[in-house]
Protein backbone atom coordinates (compact mmCIF):
# COMPACT_ATOMS: atom_id res chain seq x y z
CA MET A 1 -6.70 -9.82 3.58
CA HIS A 2 -2.98 -10.18 4.18
CA TRP A 3 -2.66 -8.16 7.39
CA LYS A 4 1.12 -8.42 7.67
CA LYS A 5 1.66 -7.00 4.19
CA TYR A 6 -0.95 -4.32 4.83
CA ALA A 7 0.64 -3.35 8.14
CA MET A 8 4.11 -3.20 6.60
CA LEU A 9 3.07 -0.97 3.71
CA LEU A 10 0.61 1.36 5.43
CA PRO A 11 2.88 3.48 7.71
CA PRO A 12 5.31 4.67 5.01
CA PHE A 13 2.50 5.48 2.59
CA VAL A 14 0.52 7.37 5.24
CA LEU A 15 3.64 9.34 6.15
CA ILE A 16 4.34 10.18 2.50
CA GLY A 17 0.70 11.18 1.96
CA LEU A 18 0.66 13.47 4.99
CA LEU A 19 3.95 15.07 3.99
CA LEU A 20 2.58 15.73 0.52
CA LEU A 21 -0.57 17.29 1.98
CA PHE A 22 1.46 19.64 4.13
CA TYR A 23 4.22 20.58 1.69
CA LEU A 24 2.58 20.69 -1.73
CA PRO A 25 1.33 24.08 -2.90
CA THR A 26 -2.41 24.69 -2.67
CA GLY A 27 -3.05 24.02 -6.35
CA GLN A 28 -1.30 20.65 -6.27
CA LYS A 29 -2.61 19.06 -3.07
CA HIS A 30 -4.87 16.78 -5.10
CA TYR A 31 -1.76 14.79 -6.07
CA ALA A 32 -1.60 13.41 -2.53
CA ILE A 33 -4.46 11.00 -3.40
CA LEU A 34 -2.07 9.28 -5.80
CA VAL A 35 -0.23 7.93 -2.75
CA ALA A 36 -3.33 5.90 -1.84
CA LEU A 37 -3.61 4.55 -5.38
CA VAL A 38 0.05 3.56 -5.42
CA PHE A 39 -0.37 1.91 -2.01
CA TRP A 40 -3.18 -0.34 -3.26
CA ALA A 41 -1.33 -1.12 -6.48
CA VAL A 42 1.78 -2.19 -4.54
CA TYR A 43 -0.29 -4.18 -2.03
CA TYR A 44 -2.23 -6.13 -4.66
CA ALA A 45 0.87 -6.66 -6.79
CA TRP A 46 2.65 -8.14 -3.75
CA VAL A 47 -0.30 -10.42 -2.97
CA CYS A 48 -0.52 -11.53 -6.61
CA ILE A 49 3.20 -12.28 -6.81
CA ASP A 50 3.00 -14.31 -3.60
CA LYS A 51 0.10 -16.34 -4.97
CA LYS A 52 1.99 -17.09 -8.19
CA ARG A 53 5.09 -18.15 -6.27
CA GLY A 54 3.07 -20.23 -3.83
CA THR A 55 4.66 -18.59 -0.79
CA GLU A 56 1.36 -18.03 0.94
CA GLY A 57 2.32 -20.36 3.76
CA VAL A 58 -0.19 -22.71 5.29
CA LYS A 59 -3.43 -22.64 3.30
CA GLY A 60 -6.21 -20.70 4.94
CA ILE A 61 -4.13 -18.66 7.37
CA ASN A 62 -3.58 -15.62 5.16
CA LYS A 63 -7.12 -15.30 3.88
C-alpha cells in the first residue's frame, strides 16, 4: 500500500463525506457512500499512473 498517497487523499475525502452526511436531506444521505468509491478510484488511478510512469522510487519501498 502506498501510505503517503493514502494519507494525502484520506482527510479531504473524509471531510467531504462527513459534510455530506450532515447536510444532505434524509432521503439523499445514501449518496455520501459515493465519496468512498471516488476515494478508492482516485487512489488506485494514482497508483496505476505512477507504476506506468515508473516514478515509484526505489523498488520495494512503496509496497
